[in-house]
Amino acid sequence: MSDKTRDHGGNIGAAIAHFGGQVDDWIDLSTGINRIAYPIAQVPPALWHRLPTGEDMAQALAAAQRHYRVQAPSMLCAGAQAAIQMIPQLRSAGRAAVLAPSYNEHAACLRTQGWQVSAAPDLAAMRGADLAVVVNPNNPDGRVFSPDDLLALLPQVGLLVVDESFGDVAQHLSLLPHAGRDKLLILRSFGKFWGLAGVRFGMVFGAQSDVEQLRTLAGPWPVSGPALHIARAAYADTDWADATRARLAQDAAKMDDLARGAGWRVVGGCDLFRLYETPDATAAQTRLARAHIWSRIFPYSNTWLRLGPAGAADEWHRLAAALA
């Protein structure tokens, strides 16, 4: 039996099992992953044959630090998810507050490690927690929190974890200029903005003691050699990143126009995903699925449906037809 408290987008196998087709027939808009991915150059064959070296990891880390213009202690991991699973082990289990609703793995991983987790509706409700988690911009509703408000919360909790997995399209919200401060951890995803979720690459920025402990937990080879090579090239390509941010902003607006035309109300989101209020989320998902377009609905809402922007022109045509 599936755990409804840990359901996720990207479960295209479930869509195929219910609605038919093959993987290549589907447009998966159920995640916040950029549909037009960073173009991968050929990976040197040697990287598939040997373990990643310390130099490989240092070069990828340096490229990321240059891209984000931060020199704080940081580490590489197999996606932000790997960090989410390790962070509960940094402190003795106590009281955790997680902004809700949000990405459900934060609360699930904390509970697995014995933490008492409460769902916090806002930052004020997190005060006094031994560990607090804020996703910024928040997934799925797109709520945002200013750096000043998050820094004001920092001295009122034991450890503040700010998940900036969607932060590449909201740079003004980032706490990276404050990375390295005591009791603050900042997570970054690579796969979402660069559209390469299968690479499994992410980063954590924090105080030296926390970063060193996470490195120990992650082990000697937390990221593959090919992933390090790809991320290093992508982080250096600032022209692609700037152009992609501009395109995603336009695509998010285009997506909202299509949704309004279908009679849906925009609840929120960011440029990598949009959240809509529909009369019936299951019916709306089924409508799209019959056109082999997969979307995300939530066990705690009968009306919310989340969609990432389509990618190529033919995807937009199919989406527009399905919503018409």
Protein backbone atom coordinates (compact mmCIF):
# COMPACT_ATOMS: atom_id res chain seq x y z
CA MET A 1 0.00 0.00 0.00
CA SER A 2 1.38 3.42 -0.93
CA ASP A 3 2.12 6.00 1.75
CA LYS A 4 -0.11 8.98 0.96
CA THR A 5 1.97 11.18 3.28
CA ARG A 6 4.95 10.73 0.92
CA ASP A 7 3.30 10.87 -2.49
CA HIS A 8 5.19 12.72 -5.21
CA GLY A 9 4.97 14.02 -8.72
CA GLY A 10 6.94 12.24 -11.41
CA ASN A 11 5.10 8.96 -10.80
CA ILE A 12 4.60 8.46 -14.51
CA GLY A 13 4.41 4.69 -14.06
CA ALA A 14 1.13 5.09 -12.19
CA ALA A 15 -0.22 7.26 -14.99
CA ILE A 16 0.70 4.66 -17.60
CA ALA A 17 -0.80 1.82 -15.57
CA HIS A 18 -4.12 3.64 -15.34
CA PHE A 19 -4.35 5.51 -18.65
CA GLY A 20 -2.10 3.49 -20.95
CA GLY A 21 0.60 4.47 -23.39
CA GLN A 22 4.37 4.35 -23.18
CA VAL A 23 6.75 6.70 -21.37
CA ASP A 24 7.56 8.60 -24.57
CA ASP A 25 3.85 9.22 -25.21
CA TRP A 26 3.49 11.29 -22.06
CA ILE A 27 4.24 14.90 -21.18
CA ASP A 28 5.10 14.86 -17.49
CA LEU A 29 4.16 18.22 -15.98
CA SER A 30 3.66 16.77 -12.51
CA THR A 31 7.04 17.95 -11.23
CA GLY A 32 8.80 21.29 -11.03
CA ILE A 33 11.47 20.13 -13.46
CA ASN A 34 12.33 22.37 -16.39
CA ARG A 35 11.10 20.64 -19.57
CA ILE A 36 13.86 22.21 -21.69
CA ALA A 37 16.96 20.81 -20.06
CA TYR A 38 20.49 22.08 -20.16
CA PRO A 39 22.19 20.53 -23.22
CA ILE A 40 24.66 17.91 -22.04
CA ALA A 41 27.96 17.69 -23.88
CA GLN A 42 29.61 14.31 -24.24
CA VAL A 43 30.81 12.91 -20.93
CA PRO A 44 34.42 11.67 -21.11
CA PRO A 45 34.26 7.85 -21.08
CA ALA A 46 36.85 7.63 -18.30
CA LEU A 47 34.37 9.19 -15.87
CA TRP A 48 32.16 6.11 -16.18
CA HIS A 49 35.05 3.78 -15.36
CA ARG A 50 36.68 5.34 -12.32
CA LEU A 51 35.58 6.64 -8.96
CA PRO A 52 35.22 10.42 -8.65
CA THR A 53 38.44 12.03 -7.46
CA GLY A 54 38.85 14.73 -4.87
CA GLU A 55 39.78 17.09 -7.70
CA ASP A 56 36.55 16.23 -9.58
CA MET A 57 34.51 17.15 -6.53
CA ALA A 58 36.53 20.26 -5.75
CA GLN A 59 36.13 21.58 -9.30
CA ALA A 60 32.36 21.05 -9.33
CA LEU A 61 32.06 22.64 -5.90
CA ALA A 62 34.11 25.64 -7.01
CA ALA A 63 31.96 26.06 -10.14
CA ALA A 64 28.82 26.09 -8.01
CA GLN A 65 30.30 28.56 -5.55
CA ARG A 66 31.28 30.88 -8.41
CA HIS A 67 27.82 30.60 -9.92
CA TYR A 68 26.12 31.48 -6.64
CA ARG A 69 28.83 33.97 -5.64
CA VAL A 70 29.29 32.43 -2.22
CA GLN A 71 32.36 31.02 -0.49
CA ALA A 72 30.69 29.59 2.62
CA PRO A 73 31.32 25.98 3.67
CA SER A 74 29.37 23.72 1.37
CA MET A 75 29.09 20.12 0.24
CA LEU A 76 27.79 18.13 -2.71
CA CYS A 77 25.10 15.50 -2.42
CA ALA A 78 22.90 13.31 -4.62
CA GLY A 79 20.17 15.90 -4.97
CA ALA A 80 18.54 17.97 -2.25
CA GLN A 81 16.65 14.81 -1.28
CA ALA A 82 19.88 13.23 -0.01
CA ALA A 83 20.44 16.21 2.27
CA ILE A 84 16.85 16.08 3.51
CA GLN A 85 17.42 12.48 4.59
CA MET A 86 20.67 13.28 6.42
CA ILE A 87 19.76 16.52 8.20
CA PRO A 88 17.62 14.89 10.94
CA GLN A 89 20.80 13.15 12.13
CA LEU A 90 22.65 16.43 12.77
CA ARG A 91 20.94 17.01 16.11
CA SER A 92 19.39 14.86 18.81
CA ALA A 93 15.74 14.29 18.00
CA GLY A 94 13.47 16.93 19.48
CA ARG A 95 10.68 19.22 18.32
CA ALA A 96 10.64 20.11 14.64
CA ALA A 97 8.39 22.58 12.86
CA VAL A 98 7.88 22.28 9.10
CA LEU A 99 6.05 24.90 7.08
CA ALA A 100 2.86 23.28 5.78
CA PRO A 101 1.69 22.32 3.32
CA SER A 102 5.06 21.77 1.72
CA TYR A 103 7.37 19.16 0.23
CA ASN A 104 6.44 16.16 2.32
CA GLU A 105 9.85 14.48 2.55
CA HIS A 106 11.05 16.99 5.15
CA ALA A 107 8.48 15.94 7.74
CA ALA A 108 8.66 12.27 6.76
CA CYS A 109 12.44 12.05 7.12
CA LEU A 110 12.37 13.86 10.46
CA ARG A 111 9.72 11.49 11.81
CA THR A 112 11.74 8.50 10.64
CA GLN A 113 14.60 9.72 12.84
CA GLY A 114 12.38 10.12 15.90
CA TRP A 115 11.58 13.84 15.70
CA GLN A 116 8.22 15.17 16.91
CA VAL A 117 7.03 17.13 13.88
CA SER A 118 4.38 19.83 13.84
CA ALA A 119 2.92 21.48 10.74
CA ALA A 120 3.50 25.23 10.97
CA PRO A 121 1.16 27.56 9.07
CA ASP A 122 3.62 30.45 9.18
CA LEU A 123 7.03 31.51 10.48
CA ALA A 124 5.67 32.71 13.83
CA ALA A 125 4.46 29.19 14.63
CA MET A 126 8.01 27.89 14.30
CA ARG A 127 9.46 29.88 17.17
CA GLY A 128 11.01 27.70 19.84
CA ALA A 129 11.44 24.65 17.61
CA ASP A 130 14.67 22.69 17.89
CA LEU A 131 14.66 22.45 14.09
CA ALA A 132 12.59 24.46 11.59
CA VAL A 133 12.18 23.84 7.86
CA VAL A 134 11.06 26.45 5.33
CA VAL A 135 10.87 25.80 1.59
CA ASN A 136 11.35 29.12 -0.23
CA PRO A 137 9.65 29.49 -2.69
CA ASN A 138 7.32 27.00 -1.11
CA ASN A 139 6.13 23.90 -2.91
CA PRO A 140 3.28 23.59 -3.86
CA ASP A 141 1.64 26.97 -3.14
CA GLY A 142 4.55 29.26 -4.05
CA ARG A 143 4.54 31.21 -0.79
CA VAL A 144 7.69 33.27 -0.41
CA PHE A 145 9.56 34.61 2.61
CA SER A 146 11.92 37.55 2.63
CA PRO A 147 15.52 37.09 3.74
CA ASP A 148 14.89 39.55 6.57
CA ASP A 149 11.97 37.52 7.95
CA LEU A 150 13.95 34.29 7.78
CA LEU A 151 16.97 35.86 9.47
CA ALA A 152 14.68 37.15 12.22
CA LEU A 153 13.52 33.57 12.81
CA LEU A 154 17.07 32.19 12.93
CA PRO A 155 17.88 33.07 16.60
CA GLN A 156 14.50 31.71 17.71
CA VAL A 157 15.09 28.11 16.59
CA GLY A 158 17.78 25.53 17.19
CA LEU A 159 18.53 24.92 13.50
CA LEU A 160 16.91 26.62 10.50
CA VAL A 161 16.82 24.64 7.25
CA VAL A 162 15.89 26.72 4.20
CA ASP A 163 15.18 24.58 1.15
CA GLU A 164 15.85 26.73 -1.92
CA SER A 165 15.27 23.94 -4.43
CA PHE A 166 13.33 26.40 -6.61
CA GLY A 167 15.54 29.35 -5.73
CA ASP A 168 17.14 29.64 -9.16
CA VAL A 169 14.00 31.39 -10.39
CA ALA A 170 13.71 33.60 -7.28
CA GLN A 171 17.22 34.86 -6.69
CA HIS A 172 16.08 37.89 -4.69
CA LEU A 173 14.76 35.57 -1.96
CA SER A 174 17.95 33.60 -1.44
CA LEU A 175 19.78 33.44 1.87
CA LEU A 176 23.00 32.42 0.12
CA PRO A 177 24.60 35.82 0.85
CA HIS A 178 24.26 34.81 4.53
CA ALA A 179 25.47 31.22 4.09
CA GLY A 180 27.92 30.07 6.73
CA ARG A 181 26.05 31.57 9.67
CA ASP A 182 25.66 29.35 12.70
CA LYS A 183 22.44 27.29 12.88
CA LEU A 184 21.56 27.93 9.20
CA LEU A 185 21.51 25.32 6.43
CA ILE A 186 20.58 26.19 2.84
CA LEU A 187 19.70 23.48 0.33
CA ARG A 188 19.99 23.83 -3.43
CA SER A 189 18.69 21.49 -6.12
CA PHE A 190 20.36 21.16 -9.53
CA GLY A 191 17.87 18.96 -11.36
CA LYS A 192 14.87 21.29 -11.29
CA PHE A 193 16.12 24.50 -12.91
CA TRP A 194 18.61 22.78 -15.22
CA GLY A 195 16.03 20.12 -16.05
CA LEU A 196 18.40 17.26 -15.23
CA ALA A 197 16.79 15.54 -12.26
CA GLY A 198 18.29 12.20 -13.28
CA VAL A 199 21.79 13.55 -12.67
CA ARG A 200 21.05 13.51 -8.89
CA PHE A 201 23.11 16.51 -7.87
CA GLY A 202 22.52 19.03 -5.10
CA MET A 203 24.28 21.21 -2.56
CA VAL A 204 24.17 22.21 1.09
CA PHE A 205 25.60 25.48 2.42
CA GLY A 206 26.06 25.93 6.15
CA ALA A 207 28.31 26.39 9.13
CA GLN A 208 31.58 24.48 8.98
CA SER A 209 30.69 22.00 11.75
CA ASP A 210 27.35 21.05 10.17
CA VAL A 211 28.83 20.74 6.69
CA GLU A 212 31.62 18.49 7.94
CA GLN A 213 29.13 16.26 9.74
CA LEU A 214 27.01 15.99 6.60
CA ARG A 215 30.08 15.08 4.57
CA THR A 216 30.75 12.25 6.99
CA LEU A 217 27.17 11.03 6.69
CA ALA A 218 27.25 11.26 2.88
CA GLY A 219 30.36 9.10 2.53
CA PRO A 220 33.36 9.41 0.21
CA TRP A 221 31.54 9.46 -3.17
CA PRO A 222 28.20 11.24 -2.69
CA VAL A 223 27.93 12.27 -6.36
CA SER A 224 28.94 10.38 -9.50
CA GLY A 225 31.79 11.49 -11.75
CA PRO A 226 29.50 12.15 -14.76
CA ALA A 227 27.19 14.23 -12.54
CA LEU A 228 30.13 16.33 -11.36
CA HIS A 229 31.22 16.90 -14.96
CA ILE A 230 27.74 17.93 -16.11
CA ALA A 231 27.09 20.24 -13.16
CA ARG A 232 30.47 21.92 -13.53
CA ALA A 233 29.70 22.82 -17.15
CA ALA A 234 26.16 23.95 -16.39
CA TYR A 235 27.13 26.23 -13.52
CA ALA A 236 29.65 27.96 -15.78
CA ASP A 237 27.06 28.68 -18.48
CA THR A 238 25.54 31.87 -17.10
CA ASP A 239 24.13 32.89 -20.50
CA TRP A 240 21.98 29.76 -20.60
CA ALA A 241 20.84 30.33 -17.02
CA ASP A 242 19.85 33.96 -17.66
CA ALA A 243 17.97 33.08 -20.86
CA THR A 244 16.20 30.20 -19.13
CA ARG A 245 15.03 32.39 -16.25
CA ALA A 246 13.51 34.82 -18.76
CA ARG A 247 11.81 32.01 -20.72
CA LEU A 248 10.40 30.34 -17.61
CA ALA A 249 8.85 33.62 -16.47
CA GLN A 250 7.09 33.96 -19.82
CA ASP A 251 6.01 30.32 -19.79
CA ALA A 252 4.53 30.60 -16.30
CA ALA A 253 2.37 33.52 -17.45
CA LYS A 254 1.36 31.55 -20.55
CA MET A 255 0.40 28.58 -18.38
CA ASP A 256 -1.76 30.79 -16.16
CA ASP A 257 -3.61 32.14 -19.20
CA LEU A 258 -4.42 28.60 -20.36
CA ALA A 259 -5.58 27.61 -16.88
CA ARG A 260 -7.84 30.64 -16.54
CA GLY A 261 -9.33 29.78 -19.91
CA ALA A 262 -10.20 26.37 -18.49
CA GLY A 263 -12.00 28.03 -15.59
CA TRP A 264 -9.28 27.43 -13.02
CA ARG A 265 -8.08 29.97 -10.46
CA VAL A 266 -4.39 30.66 -9.92
CA VAL A 267 -3.46 29.87 -6.32
CA GLY A 268 0.26 30.53 -6.62
CA GLY A 269 3.52 28.89 -7.55
CA CYS A 270 6.81 29.99 -9.02
CA ASP A 271 8.17 29.99 -12.57
CA LEU A 272 8.92 26.24 -12.39
CA PHE A 273 5.44 25.18 -11.27
CA ARG A 274 1.95 26.64 -11.00
CA LEU A 275 -0.82 25.73 -8.56
CA TYR A 276 -4.48 26.00 -9.55
CA GLU A 277 -7.83 25.76 -7.83
CA THR A 278 -10.15 23.54 -9.88
CA PRO A 279 -13.73 22.41 -9.26
CA ASP A 280 -12.50 18.83 -8.92
CA ALA A 281 -8.79 18.04 -8.95
CA THR A 282 -9.20 14.35 -9.75
CA ALA A 283 -11.49 15.14 -12.68
CA ALA A 284 -9.05 17.78 -13.92
CA GLN A 285 -6.13 15.36 -13.69
CA THR A 286 -8.13 12.71 -15.54
CA ARG A 287 -9.01 15.19 -18.28
CA LEU A 288 -5.35 15.91 -18.90
CA ALA A 289 -4.30 12.28 -18.51
CA ARG A 290 -6.61 11.22 -21.33
CA ALA A 291 -4.37 13.40 -23.50
CA HIS A 292 -1.32 11.76 -21.89
CA ILE A 293 -0.40 14.86 -19.90
CA TRP A 294 0.43 14.10 -16.27
CA SER A 295 -0.26 16.56 -13.46
CA ARG A 296 0.03 16.60 -9.68
CA ILE A 297 -2.83 16.46 -7.21
CA PHE A 298 -2.65 16.30 -3.43
CA PRO A 299 -4.18 13.99 -0.80
CA TYR A 300 -5.01 16.97 1.43
CA SER A 301 -6.94 18.95 -1.20
CA ASN A 302 -9.83 17.98 -3.46
CA THR A 303 -9.35 21.03 -5.65
CA TRP A 304 -5.62 21.79 -6.00
CA LEU A 305 -3.77 20.77 -9.16
CA ARG A 306 -0.13 21.62 -9.89
CA LEU A 307 1.41 21.88 -13.35
CA GLY A 308 4.90 22.68 -14.52
CA PRO A 309 5.15 24.72 -17.74
CA ALA A 310 5.31 22.75 -20.97
CA GLY A 311 8.54 22.73 -22.97
CA ALA A 312 8.65 22.40 -26.74
CA ALA A 313 6.00 23.93 -29.01
CA ASP A 314 4.22 20.63 -29.62
CA GLU A 315 3.79 20.18 -25.86
CA TRP A 316 2.11 23.57 -25.61
CA HIS A 317 -0.22 22.66 -28.48
CA ARG A 318 -1.21 19.40 -26.78
CA LEU A 319 -1.75 21.15 -23.45
CA ALA A 320 -3.86 23.90 -25.01
CA ALA A 321 -5.99 21.32 -26.82
CA ALA A 322 -6.50 19.29 -23.63
CA LEU A 323 -7.59 22.37 -21.69
CA ALA A 324 -9.82 23.70 -24.48
